Amino acid sequence: MSINFNDRNTEARMQKALSHFNSMVRPDKQKFVSEAINHYIDSLIKSKVIKKV
């Protein structure tokens, strides 16, 4: 997966969120973004905005 961020505010929020994780369970950026995207897709399916993919 290849994703480029061009939004400084989003990048800063992600960095801040990652910094709040305990170092023992802190995910790397790619895992964090991957899980966030999957959660968003699940939310869209649950709210019936899109059909199951």
PDB file of N, CA and C in Angstrom:
ATOM      1  N   MET A   1       0.856  -1.168   0.000  1.00  0.00           N
ATOM      2  CA  MET A   1       0.000   0.000   0.000  1.00  0.00           C
ATOM      3  C   MET A   1       0.900   1.228   0.000  1.00  0.00           C
ATOM      4  N   SER A   2       0.521   2.188  -0.803  1.00  0.00           N
ATOM      5  CA  SER A   2       1.282   3.428  -0.856  1.00  0.00           C
ATOM      6  C   SER A   2       0.323   4.600  -0.728  1.00  0.00           C
ATOM      7  N   ILE A   3       0.499   5.379   0.327  1.00  0.00           N
ATOM      8  CA  ILE A   3      -0.355   6.535   0.578  1.00  0.00           C
ATOM      9  C   ILE A   3       0.537   7.723   0.879  1.00  0.00           C
ATOM     10  N   ASN A   4       0.229   8.842   0.245  1.00  0.00           N
ATOM     11  CA  ASN A   4       0.976  10.073   0.512  1.00  0.00           C
ATOM     12  C   ASN A   4       0.047  11.071   1.181  1.00  0.00           C
ATOM     13  N   PHE A   5       0.505  11.668   2.264  1.00  0.00           N
ATOM     14  CA  PHE A   5      -0.248  12.718   2.936  1.00  0.00           C
ATOM     15  C   PHE A   5       0.260  14.070   2.478  1.00  0.00           C
ATOM     16  N   ASN A   6      -0.678  14.916   2.106  1.00  0.00           N
ATOM     17  CA  ASN A   6      -0.334  16.286   1.753  1.00  0.00           C
ATOM     18  C   ASN A   6      -1.051  17.268   2.662  1.00  0.00           C
ATOM     19  N   ASP A   7      -1.599  16.754   3.736  1.00  0.00           N
ATOM     20  CA  ASP A   7      -2.353  17.584   4.678  1.00  0.00           C
ATOM     21  C   ASP A   7      -1.585  17.641   5.995  1.00  0.00           C
ATOM     22  N   ARG A   8      -0.989  18.771   6.251  1.00  0.00           N
ATOM     23  CA  ARG A   8      -0.163  18.904   7.462  1.00  0.00           C
ATOM     24  C   ARG A   8      -0.961  18.711   8.738  1.00  0.00           C
ATOM     25  N   ASN A   9      -2.214  19.168   8.744  1.00  0.00           N
ATOM     26  CA  ASN A   9      -3.032  19.026   9.950  1.00  0.00           C
ATOM     27  C   ASN A   9      -3.309  17.558  10.263  1.00  0.00           C
ATOM     28  N   THR A  10      -3.626  16.784   9.242  1.00  0.00           N
ATOM     29  CA  THR A  10      -3.883  15.358   9.437  1.00  0.00           C
ATOM     30  C   THR A  10      -2.619  14.642   9.883  1.00  0.00           C
ATOM     31  N   GLU A  11      -1.511  14.968   9.247  1.00  0.00           N
ATOM     32  CA  GLU A  11      -0.231  14.359   9.616  1.00  0.00           C
ATOM     33  C   GLU A  11       0.118  14.687  11.071  1.00  0.00           C
ATOM     34  N   ALA A  12      -0.097  15.931  11.468  1.00  0.00           N
ATOM     35  CA  ALA A  12       0.198  16.343  12.843  1.00  0.00           C
ATOM     36  C   ALA A  12      -0.709  15.623  13.838  1.00  0.00           C
ATOM     37  N   ARG A  13      -1.999  15.486  13.498  1.00  0.00           N
ATOM     38  CA  ARG A  13      -2.931  14.780  14.390  1.00  0.00           C
ATOM     39  C   ARG A  13      -2.543  13.324  14.543  1.00  0.00           C
ATOM     40  N   MET A  14      -2.115  12.700  13.435  1.00  0.00           N
ATOM     41  CA  MET A  14      -1.708  11.308  13.495  1.00  0.00           C
ATOM     42  C   MET A  14      -0.465  11.166  14.369  1.00  0.00           C
ATOM     43  N   GLN A  15       0.499  12.033  14.184  1.00  0.00           N
ATOM     44  CA  GLN A  15       1.720  11.983  14.992  1.00  0.00           C
ATOM     45  C   GLN A  15       1.401  12.158  16.471  1.00  0.00           C
ATOM     46  N   LYS A  16       0.499  13.087  16.771  1.00  0.00           N
ATOM     47  CA  LYS A  16       0.123  13.335  18.165  1.00  0.00           C
ATOM     48  C   LYS A  16      -0.590  12.113  18.750  1.00  0.00           C
ATOM     49  N   ALA A  17      -1.489  11.511  17.968  1.00  0.00           N
ATOM     50  CA  ALA A  17      -2.198  10.312  18.439  1.00  0.00           C
ATOM     51  C   ALA A  17      -1.209   9.179  18.687  1.00  0.00           C
ATOM     52  N   LEU A  18      -0.278   8.984  17.769  1.00  0.00           N
ATOM     53  CA  LEU A  18       0.708   7.917  17.937  1.00  0.00           C
ATOM     54  C   LEU A  18       1.589   8.150  19.160  1.00  0.00           C
ATOM     55  N   SER A  19       1.863   9.396  19.467  1.00  0.00           N
ATOM     56  CA  SER A  19       2.723   9.689  20.616  1.00  0.00           C
ATOM     57  C   SER A  19       2.047   9.369  21.942  1.00  0.00           C
ATOM     58  N   HIS A  20       0.715   9.261  21.934  1.00  0.00           N
ATOM     59  CA  HIS A  20      -0.017   8.957  23.165  1.00  0.00           C
ATOM     60  C   HIS A  20      -0.071   7.465  23.473  1.00  0.00           C
ATOM     61  N   PHE A  21       0.311   6.635  22.508  1.00  0.00           N
ATOM     62  CA  PHE A  21       0.357   5.195  22.736  1.00  0.00           C
ATOM     63  C   PHE A  21       1.520   4.856  23.655  1.00  0.00           C
ATOM     64  N   ASN A  22       1.335   3.846  24.470  1.00  0.00           N
ATOM     65  CA  ASN A  22       2.433   3.289  25.239  1.00  0.00           C
ATOM     66  C   ASN A  22       3.429   2.717  24.237  1.00  0.00           C
ATOM     67  N   SER A  23       4.704   2.914  24.475  1.00  0.00           N
ATOM     68  CA  SER A  23       5.718   2.475  23.516  1.00  0.00           C
ATOM     69  C   SER A  23       5.672   0.967  23.255  1.00  0.00           C
ATOM     70  N   MET A  24       5.152   0.201  24.191  1.00  0.00           N
ATOM     71  CA  MET A  24       5.077  -1.253  24.014  1.00  0.00           C
ATOM     72  C   MET A  24       3.998  -1.666  23.005  1.00  0.00           C
ATOM     73  N   VAL A  25       2.982  -0.839  22.803  1.00  0.00           N
ATOM     74  CA  VAL A  25       1.878  -1.190  21.900  1.00  0.00           C
ATOM     75  C   VAL A  25       1.718  -0.199  20.747  1.00  0.00           C
ATOM     76  N   ARG A  26       2.620   0.749  20.609  1.00  0.00           N
ATOM     77  CA  ARG A  26       2.515   1.779  19.574  1.00  0.00           C
ATOM     78  C   ARG A  26       2.675   1.161  18.184  1.00  0.00           C
ATOM     79  N   PRO A  27       1.651   1.339  17.317  1.00  0.00           N
ATOM     80  CA  PRO A  27       1.775   0.826  15.954  1.00  0.00           C
ATOM     81  C   PRO A  27       2.649   1.764  15.114  1.00  0.00           C
ATOM     82  N   ASP A  28       3.185   1.235  14.016  1.00  0.00           N
ATOM     83  CA  ASP A  28       3.899   2.129  13.112  1.00  0.00           C
ATOM     84  C   ASP A  28       2.864   2.884  12.274  1.00  0.00           C
ATOM     85  N   LYS A  29       3.313   3.883  11.532  1.00  0.00           N
ATOM     86  CA  LYS A  29       2.388   4.721  10.765  1.00  0.00           C
ATOM     87  C   LYS A  29       1.557   3.906   9.789  1.00  0.00           C
ATOM     88  N   GLN A  30       2.189   2.969   9.097  1.00  0.00           N
ATOM     89  CA  GLN A  30       1.474   2.199   8.087  1.00  0.00           C
ATOM     90  C   GLN A  30       0.365   1.362   8.718  1.00  0.00           C
ATOM     91  N   LYS A  31       0.645   0.729   9.833  1.00  0.00           N
ATOM     92  CA  LYS A  31      -0.384  -0.081  10.510  1.00  0.00           C
ATOM     93  C   LYS A  31      -1.508   0.816  11.024  1.00  0.00           C
ATOM     94  N   PHE A  32      -1.161   1.972  11.571  1.00  0.00           N
ATOM     95  CA  PHE A  32      -2.146   2.911  12.081  1.00  0.00           C
ATOM     96  C   PHE A  32      -3.089   3.362  10.964  1.00  0.00           C
ATOM     97  N   VAL A  33      -2.530   3.747   9.825  1.00  0.00           N
ATOM     98  CA  VAL A  33      -3.339   4.209   8.691  1.00  0.00           C
ATOM     99  C   VAL A  33      -4.175   3.063   8.132  1.00  0.00           C
ATOM    100  N   SER A  34      -3.601   1.884   8.020  1.00  0.00           N
ATOM    101  CA  SER A  34      -4.323   0.723   7.507  1.00  0.00           C
ATOM    102  C   SER A  34      -5.530   0.405   8.380  1.00  0.00           C
ATOM    103  N   GLU A  35      -5.340   0.385   9.682  1.00  0.00           N
ATOM    104  CA  GLU A  35      -6.444   0.092  10.596  1.00  0.00           C
ATOM    105  C   GLU A  35      -7.492   1.200  10.569  1.00  0.00           C
ATOM    106  N   ALA A  36      -7.062   2.444  10.431  1.00  0.00           N
ATOM    107  CA  ALA A  36      -8.000   3.564  10.359  1.00  0.00           C
ATOM    108  C   ALA A  36      -8.860   3.467   9.106  1.00  0.00           C
ATOM    109  N   ILE A  37      -8.250   3.135   7.978  1.00  0.00           N
ATOM    110  CA  ILE A  37      -9.000   3.001   6.727  1.00  0.00           C
ATOM    111  C   ILE A  37      -9.992   1.851   6.820  1.00  0.00           C
ATOM    112  N   ASN A  38      -9.566   0.713   7.353  1.00  0.00           N
ATOM    113  CA  ASN A  38     -10.477  -0.422   7.503  1.00  0.00           C
ATOM    114  C   ASN A  38     -11.635  -0.090   8.431  1.00  0.00           C
ATOM    115  N   HIS A  39     -11.357   0.636   9.507  1.00  0.00           N
ATOM    116  CA  HIS A  39     -12.416   1.046  10.428  1.00  0.00           C
ATOM    117  C   HIS A  39     -13.398   1.980   9.728  1.00  0.00           C
ATOM    118  N   TYR A  40     -12.891   2.898   8.924  1.00  0.00           N
ATOM    119  CA  TYR A  40     -13.752   3.837   8.200  1.00  0.00           C
ATOM    120  C   TYR A  40     -14.640   3.091   7.201  1.00  0.00           C
ATOM    121  N   ILE A  41     -14.079   2.146   6.471  1.00  0.00           N
ATOM    122  CA  ILE A  41     -14.865   1.358   5.515  1.00  0.00           C
ATOM    123  C   ILE A  41     -15.946   0.563   6.246  1.00  0.00           C
ATOM    124  N   ASP A  42     -15.598  -0.066   7.371  1.00  0.00           N
ATOM    125  CA  ASP A  42     -16.591  -0.802   8.166  1.00  0.00           C
ATOM    126  C   ASP A  42     -17.711   0.119   8.632  1.00  0.00           C
ATOM    127  N   SER A  43     -17.357   1.349   9.013  1.00  0.00           N
ATOM    128  CA  SER A  43     -18.348   2.328   9.451  1.00  0.00           C
ATOM    129  C   SER A  43     -19.281   2.713   8.304  1.00  0.00           C
ATOM    130  N   LEU A  44     -18.746   2.887   7.110  1.00  0.00           N
ATOM    131  CA  LEU A  44     -19.574   3.215   5.944  1.00  0.00           C
ATOM    132  C   LEU A  44     -20.531   2.077   5.609  1.00  0.00           C
ATOM    133  N   ILE A  45     -20.059   0.851   5.744  1.00  0.00           N
ATOM    134  CA  ILE A  45     -20.910  -0.317   5.487  1.00  0.00           C
ATOM    135  C   ILE A  45     -22.010  -0.398   6.540  1.00  0.00           C
ATOM    136  N   LYS A  46     -21.644  -0.212   7.793  1.00  0.00           N
ATOM    137  CA  LYS A  46     -22.617  -0.300   8.886  1.00  0.00           C
ATOM    138  C   LYS A  46     -23.705   0.764   8.747  1.00  0.00           C
ATOM    139  N   SER A  47     -23.321   1.971   8.322  1.00  0.00           N
ATOM    140  CA  SER A  47     -24.306   3.038   8.170  1.00  0.00           C
ATOM    141  C   SER A  47     -24.984   3.005   6.802  1.00  0.00           C
ATOM    142  N   LYS A  48     -24.692   1.962   6.027  1.00  0.00           N
ATOM    143  CA  LYS A  48     -25.317   1.695   4.728  1.00  0.00           C
ATOM    144  C   LYS A  48     -25.060   2.797   3.699  1.00  0.00           C
ATOM    145  N   VAL A  49     -23.915   3.445   3.829  1.00  0.00           N
ATOM    146  CA  VAL A  49     -23.509   4.420   2.811  1.00  0.00           C
ATOM    147  C   VAL A  49     -22.984   3.683   1.587  1.00  0.00           C
ATOM    148  N   ILE A  50     -22.309   2.562   1.830  1.00  0.00           N
ATOM    149  CA  ILE A  50     -21.832   1.699   0.750  1.00  0.00           C
ATOM    150  C   ILE A  50     -22.236   0.261   1.062  1.00  0.00           C
ATOM    151  N   LYS A  51     -22.250  -0.559   0.011  1.00  0.00           N
ATOM    152  CA  LYS A  51     -22.535  -1.980   0.219  1.00  0.00           C
ATOM    153  C   LYS A  51     -21.267  -2.690   0.624  1.00  0.00           C
ATOM    154  N   LYS A  52     -21.437  -3.868   1.196  1.00  0.00           N
ATOM    155  CA  LYS A  52     -20.294  -4.672   1.655  1.00  0.00           C
ATOM    156  C   LYS A  52     -19.327  -4.913   0.511  1.00  0.00           C
ATOM    157  N   VAL A  53     -18.060  -4.696   0.778  1.00  0.00           N
ATOM    158  CA  VAL A  53     -17.023  -4.915  -0.240  1.00  0.00           C
ATOM    159  C   VAL A  53     -16.250  -6.170   0.054  1.00  0.00           C
TER     160      VAL A  53
END
